[in-house]
Each structure stands twice: as structure tokens, then as C-alpha cells.
Amino acid sequence: MDESVSFACIDKIPFDSQKEAATAASVAQYQHGSKLKPYKCRICKLWHLASRYED
């Protein structure tokens, strides 16, 4: 892979599993009232949290 290629997800926190990401989303909602949803990234194949999504 070309190291000059910048991933769109480079600034996002990666999680190894959906469960790990969902736990982080629950903690964020409890502590900060942030409604987040885990999703699997098509670029890096890891899990991230989305703040903008439709229910």
C-alpha cells in the first residue's frame, strides 16, 4: 500500500469488535449524552462510532 494514501478514517478511534464499539457508545451516552452508533469501516475493516445516522 502507498504510504502517501490518507485514510478517511485516520482520525477516528478504531475498535476491534462491534461489541467493543457498542460498549464505548454506551459509555459516551451515559457520561456525555452523546448518541453514537457503531459501524464497520469499509476502508480499514475495523469498527468506528458514527454521530450522524438515521434510526
PDB file of N, CA and C in Angstrom:
ATOM      1  N   MET A   1       0.834  -1.179   0.000  1.00  0.00           N
ATOM      2  CA  MET A   1       0.000   0.000   0.000  1.00  0.00           C
ATOM      3  C   MET A   1       0.879   1.243   0.000  1.00  0.00           C
ATOM      4  N   ASP A   2       0.465   2.257  -0.742  1.00  0.00           N
ATOM      5  CA  ASP A   2       1.189   3.516  -0.828  1.00  0.00           C
ATOM      6  C   ASP A   2       1.003   4.292   0.475  1.00  0.00           C
ATOM      7  N   GLU A   3       2.087   4.606   1.166  1.00  0.00           N
ATOM      8  CA  GLU A   3       2.007   5.293   2.448  1.00  0.00           C
ATOM      9  C   GLU A   3       1.500   6.720   2.321  1.00  0.00           C
ATOM     10  N   SER A   4       1.505   7.286   1.121  1.00  0.00           N
ATOM     11  CA  SER A   4       1.024   8.648   0.942  1.00  0.00           C
ATOM     12  C   SER A   4      -0.507   8.701   0.897  1.00  0.00           C
ATOM     13  N   VAL A   5      -1.148   7.538   0.795  1.00  0.00           N
ATOM     14  CA  VAL A   5      -2.603   7.495   0.769  1.00  0.00           C
ATOM     15  C   VAL A   5      -3.114   7.740   2.177  1.00  0.00           C
ATOM     16  N   SER A   6      -4.027   8.694   2.310  1.00  0.00           N
ATOM     17  CA  SER A   6      -4.586   9.018   3.614  1.00  0.00           C
ATOM     18  C   SER A   6      -5.973   8.403   3.737  1.00  0.00           C
ATOM     19  N   PHE A   7      -6.189   7.629   4.797  1.00  0.00           N
ATOM     20  CA  PHE A   7      -7.494   7.033   5.019  1.00  0.00           C
ATOM     21  C   PHE A   7      -8.470   8.078   5.533  1.00  0.00           C
ATOM     22  N   ALA A   8      -9.716   7.977   5.090  1.00  0.00           N
ATOM     23  CA  ALA A   8     -10.754   8.882   5.564  1.00  0.00           C
ATOM     24  C   ALA A   8     -11.013   8.670   7.056  1.00  0.00           C
ATOM     25  N   CYS A   9     -10.674   7.501   7.575  1.00  0.00           N
ATOM     26  CA  CYS A   9     -10.954   7.172   8.976  1.00  0.00           C
ATOM     27  C   CYS A   9      -9.748   7.357   9.881  1.00  0.00           C
ATOM     28  N   ILE A  10      -8.694   7.961   9.414  1.00  0.00           N
ATOM     29  CA  ILE A  10      -7.443   8.058  10.160  1.00  0.00           C
ATOM     30  C   ILE A  10      -7.613   8.773  11.507  1.00  0.00           C
ATOM     31  N   ASP A  11      -8.551   9.702  11.606  1.00  0.00           N
ATOM     32  CA  ASP A  11      -8.745  10.458  12.838  1.00  0.00           C
ATOM     33  C   ASP A  11      -9.806   9.857  13.754  1.00  0.00           C
ATOM     34  N   LYS A  12     -10.368   8.727  13.361  1.00  0.00           N
ATOM     35  CA  LYS A  12     -11.405   8.086  14.169  1.00  0.00           C
ATOM     36  C   LYS A  12     -10.793   7.015  15.068  1.00  0.00           C
ATOM     37  N   ILE A  13     -11.436   6.794  16.198  1.00  0.00           N
ATOM     38  CA  ILE A  13     -10.960   5.763  17.127  1.00  0.00           C
ATOM     39  C   ILE A  13     -11.367   4.397  16.584  1.00  0.00           C
ATOM     40  N   PRO A  14     -10.420   3.494  16.392  1.00  0.00           N
ATOM     41  CA  PRO A  14     -10.754   2.156  15.892  1.00  0.00           C
ATOM     42  C   PRO A  14     -11.059   1.193  17.046  1.00  0.00           C
ATOM     43  N   PHE A  15     -12.025   0.321  16.824  1.00  0.00           N
ATOM     44  CA  PHE A  15     -12.357  -0.737  17.767  1.00  0.00           C
ATOM     45  C   PHE A  15     -12.236  -2.062  17.035  1.00  0.00           C
ATOM     46  N   ASP A  16     -11.776  -3.082  17.735  1.00  0.00           N
ATOM     47  CA  ASP A  16     -11.565  -4.391  17.112  1.00  0.00           C
ATOM     48  C   ASP A  16     -12.858  -5.163  16.869  1.00  0.00           C
ATOM     49  N   SER A  17     -13.896  -4.859  17.642  1.00  0.00           N
ATOM     50  CA  SER A  17     -15.140  -5.616  17.505  1.00  0.00           C
ATOM     51  C   SER A  17     -16.344  -4.698  17.639  1.00  0.00           C
ATOM     52  N   GLN A  18     -17.486  -5.192  17.175  1.00  0.00           N
ATOM     53  CA  GLN A  18     -18.737  -4.446  17.292  1.00  0.00           C
ATOM     54  C   GLN A  18     -19.097  -4.281  18.771  1.00  0.00           C
ATOM     55  N   LYS A  19     -18.860  -5.321  19.550  1.00  0.00           N
ATOM     56  CA  LYS A  19     -19.177  -5.279  20.979  1.00  0.00           C
ATOM     57  C   LYS A  19     -18.363  -4.192  21.684  1.00  0.00           C
ATOM     58  N   GLU A  20     -17.088  -4.098  21.365  1.00  0.00           N
ATOM     59  CA  GLU A  20     -16.219  -3.077  21.962  1.00  0.00           C
ATOM     60  C   GLU A  20     -16.702  -1.673  21.589  1.00  0.00           C
ATOM     61  N   ALA A  21     -17.070  -1.488  20.331  1.00  0.00           N
ATOM     62  CA  ALA A  21     -17.563  -0.182  19.873  1.00  0.00           C
ATOM     63  C   ALA A  21     -18.901   0.153  20.519  1.00  0.00           C
ATOM     64  N   ALA A  22     -19.779  -0.837  20.644  1.00  0.00           N
ATOM     65  CA  ALA A  22     -21.089  -0.611  21.265  1.00  0.00           C
ATOM     66  C   ALA A  22     -20.940  -0.243  22.733  1.00  0.00           C
ATOM     67  N   THR A  23     -19.997  -0.861  23.414  1.00  0.00           N
ATOM     68  CA  THR A  23     -19.733  -0.523  24.818  1.00  0.00           C
ATOM     69  C   THR A  23     -19.252   0.916  24.931  1.00  0.00           C
ATOM     70  N   ALA A  24     -18.364   1.316  24.058  1.00  0.00           N
ATOM     71  CA  ALA A  24     -17.859   2.694  24.066  1.00  0.00           C
ATOM     72  C   ALA A  24     -18.996   3.683  23.777  1.00  0.00           C
ATOM     73  N   ALA A  25     -19.902   3.315  22.883  1.00  0.00           N
ATOM     74  CA  ALA A  25     -21.048   4.171  22.569  1.00  0.00           C
ATOM     75  C   ALA A  25     -21.958   4.314  23.793  1.00  0.00           C
ATOM     76  N   SER A  26     -22.168   3.227  24.517  1.00  0.00           N
ATOM     77  CA  SER A  26     -22.995   3.266  25.726  1.00  0.00           C
ATOM     78  C   SER A  26     -22.362   4.149  26.800  1.00  0.00           C
ATOM     79  N   VAL A  27     -21.065   4.032  26.964  1.00  0.00           N
ATOM     80  CA  VAL A  27     -20.345   4.858  27.945  1.00  0.00           C
ATOM     81  C   VAL A  27     -20.447   6.334  27.559  1.00  0.00           C
ATOM     82  N   ALA A  28     -20.280   6.641  26.286  1.00  0.00           N
ATOM     83  CA  ALA A  28     -20.364   8.030  25.821  1.00  0.00           C
ATOM     84  C   ALA A  28     -21.756   8.599  26.055  1.00  0.00           C
ATOM     85  N   GLN A  29     -22.779   7.784  25.850  1.00  0.00           N
ATOM     86  CA  GLN A  29     -24.142   8.265  26.077  1.00  0.00           C
ATOM     87  C   GLN A  29     -24.383   8.498  27.570  1.00  0.00           C
ATOM     88  N   TYR A  30     -23.920   7.596  28.390  1.00  0.00           N
ATOM     89  CA  TYR A  30     -24.085   7.717  29.839  1.00  0.00           C
ATOM     90  C   TYR A  30     -23.335   8.934  30.386  1.00  0.00           C
ATOM     91  N   GLN A  31     -22.083   9.102  29.961  1.00  0.00           N
ATOM     92  CA  GLN A  31     -21.242  10.161  30.516  1.00  0.00           C
ATOM     93  C   GLN A  31     -21.501  11.531  29.903  1.00  0.00           C
ATOM     94  N   HIS A  32     -21.824  11.564  28.608  1.00  0.00           N
ATOM     95  CA  HIS A  32     -21.905  12.852  27.906  1.00  0.00           C
ATOM     96  C   HIS A  32     -23.235  13.098  27.206  1.00  0.00           C
ATOM     97  N   GLY A  33     -24.124  12.113  27.200  1.00  0.00           N
ATOM     98  CA  GLY A  33     -25.389  12.260  26.483  1.00  0.00           C
ATOM     99  C   GLY A  33     -25.223  12.168  24.976  1.00  0.00           C
ATOM    100  N   SER A  34     -24.089  11.650  24.532  1.00  0.00           N
ATOM    101  CA  SER A  34     -23.806  11.530  23.094  1.00  0.00           C
ATOM    102  C   SER A  34     -24.456  10.270  22.536  1.00  0.00           C
ATOM    103  N   LYS A  35     -25.248  10.427  21.497  1.00  0.00           N
ATOM    104  CA  LYS A  35     -25.876   9.276  20.862  1.00  0.00           C
ATOM    105  C   LYS A  35     -24.998   8.851  19.681  1.00  0.00           C
ATOM    106  N   LEU A  36     -24.340   7.711  19.822  1.00  0.00           N
ATOM    107  CA  LEU A  36     -23.419   7.210  18.804  1.00  0.00           C
ATOM    108  C   LEU A  36     -23.823   5.804  18.387  1.00  0.00           C
ATOM    109  N   LYS A  37     -23.453   5.446  17.179  1.00  0.00           N
ATOM    110  CA  LYS A  37     -23.778   4.124  16.653  1.00  0.00           C
ATOM    111  C   LYS A  37     -22.519   3.494  16.060  1.00  0.00           C
ATOM    112  N   PRO A  38     -22.227   2.244  16.426  1.00  0.00           N
ATOM    113  CA  PRO A  38     -21.058   1.578  15.842  1.00  0.00           C
ATOM    114  C   PRO A  38     -21.308   1.165  14.388  1.00  0.00           C
ATOM    115  N   TYR A  39     -20.260   1.220  13.584  1.00  0.00           N
ATOM    116  CA  TYR A  39     -20.343   0.742  12.198  1.00  0.00           C
ATOM    117  C   TYR A  39     -18.990   0.171  11.792  1.00  0.00           C
ATOM    118  N   LYS A  40     -19.025  -0.779  10.875  1.00  0.00           N
ATOM    119  CA  LYS A  40     -17.792  -1.381  10.375  1.00  0.00           C
ATOM    120  C   LYS A  40     -17.304  -0.568   9.182  1.00  0.00           C
ATOM    121  N   CYS A  41     -16.073  -0.120   9.268  1.00  0.00           N
ATOM    122  CA  CYS A  41     -15.478   0.725   8.241  1.00  0.00           C
ATOM    123  C   CYS A  41     -15.114  -0.089   7.002  1.00  0.00           C
ATOM    124  N   ARG A  42     -15.506   0.403   5.845  1.00  0.00           N
ATOM    125  CA  ARG A  42     -15.184  -0.272   4.585  1.00  0.00           C
ATOM    126  C   ARG A  42     -13.719  -0.085   4.203  1.00  0.00           C
ATOM    127  N   ILE A  43     -13.076   0.896   4.790  1.00  0.00           N
ATOM    128  CA  ILE A  43     -11.685   1.195   4.437  1.00  0.00           C
ATOM    129  C   ILE A  43     -10.709   0.356   5.253  1.00  0.00           C
ATOM    130  N   CYS A  44     -10.803   0.450   6.584  1.00  0.00           N
ATOM    131  CA  CYS A  44      -9.825  -0.232   7.437  1.00  0.00           C
ATOM    132  C   CYS A  44     -10.335  -1.555   8.010  1.00  0.00           C
ATOM    133  N   LYS A  45     -11.634  -1.838   7.812  1.00  0.00           N
ATOM    134  CA  LYS A  45     -12.264  -3.090   8.273  1.00  0.00           C
ATOM    135  C   LYS A  45     -12.375  -3.194   9.794  1.00  0.00           C
ATOM    136  N   LEU A  46     -12.165  -2.090  10.506  1.00  0.00           N
ATOM    137  CA  LEU A  46     -12.362  -2.048  11.949  1.00  0.00           C
ATOM    138  C   LEU A  46     -13.676  -1.329  12.233  1.00  0.00           C
ATOM    139  N   TRP A  47     -14.011  -1.186  13.502  1.00  0.00           N
ATOM    140  CA  TRP A  47     -15.260  -0.545  13.901  1.00  0.00           C
ATOM    141  C   TRP A  47     -14.993   0.872  14.381  1.00  0.00           C
ATOM    142  N   HIS A  48     -15.903   1.800  14.060  1.00  0.00           N
ATOM    143  CA  HIS A  48     -15.850   3.192  14.492  1.00  0.00           C
ATOM    144  C   HIS A  48     -17.221   3.564  15.035  1.00  0.00           C
ATOM    145  N   LEU A  49     -17.341   4.789  15.550  1.00  0.00           N
ATOM    146  CA  LEU A  49     -18.617   5.294  16.029  1.00  0.00           C
ATOM    147  C   LEU A  49     -19.069   6.452  15.154  1.00  0.00           C
ATOM    148  N   ALA A  50     -20.340   6.413  14.781  1.00  0.00           N
ATOM    149  CA  ALA A  50     -20.932   7.479  13.963  1.00  0.00           C
ATOM    150  C   ALA A  50     -21.839   8.318  14.833  1.00  0.00           C
ATOM    151  N   SER A  51     -21.757   9.626  14.663  1.00  0.00           N
ATOM    152  CA  SER A  51     -22.640  10.518  15.401  1.00  0.00           C
ATOM    153  C   SER A  51     -23.834  10.935  14.556  1.00  0.00           C
ATOM    154  N   ARG A  52     -23.698  10.840  13.240  1.00  0.00           N
ATOM    155  CA  ARG A  52     -24.803  11.205  12.344  1.00  0.00           C
ATOM    156  C   ARG A  52     -25.282   9.945  11.630  1.00  0.00           C
ATOM    157  N   TYR A  53     -26.497   9.578  11.914  1.00  0.00           N
ATOM    158  CA  TYR A  53     -27.092   8.410  11.283  1.00  0.00           C
ATOM    159  C   TYR A  53     -28.593   8.452  11.460  1.00  0.00           C
ATOM    160  N   GLU A  54     -29.296   7.669  10.682  1.00  0.00           N
ATOM    161  CA  GLU A  54     -30.747   7.584  10.803  1.00  0.00           C
ATOM    162  C   GLU A  54     -31.114   6.349  11.595  1.00  0.00           C
ATOM    163  N   ASP A  55     -32.098   6.488  12.483  1.00  0.00           N
ATOM    164  CA  ASP A  55     -32.550   5.338  13.300  1.00  0.00           C
ATOM    165  C   ASP A  55     -33.224   4.292  12.444  1.00  0.00           C
TER     166      ASP A  55
END
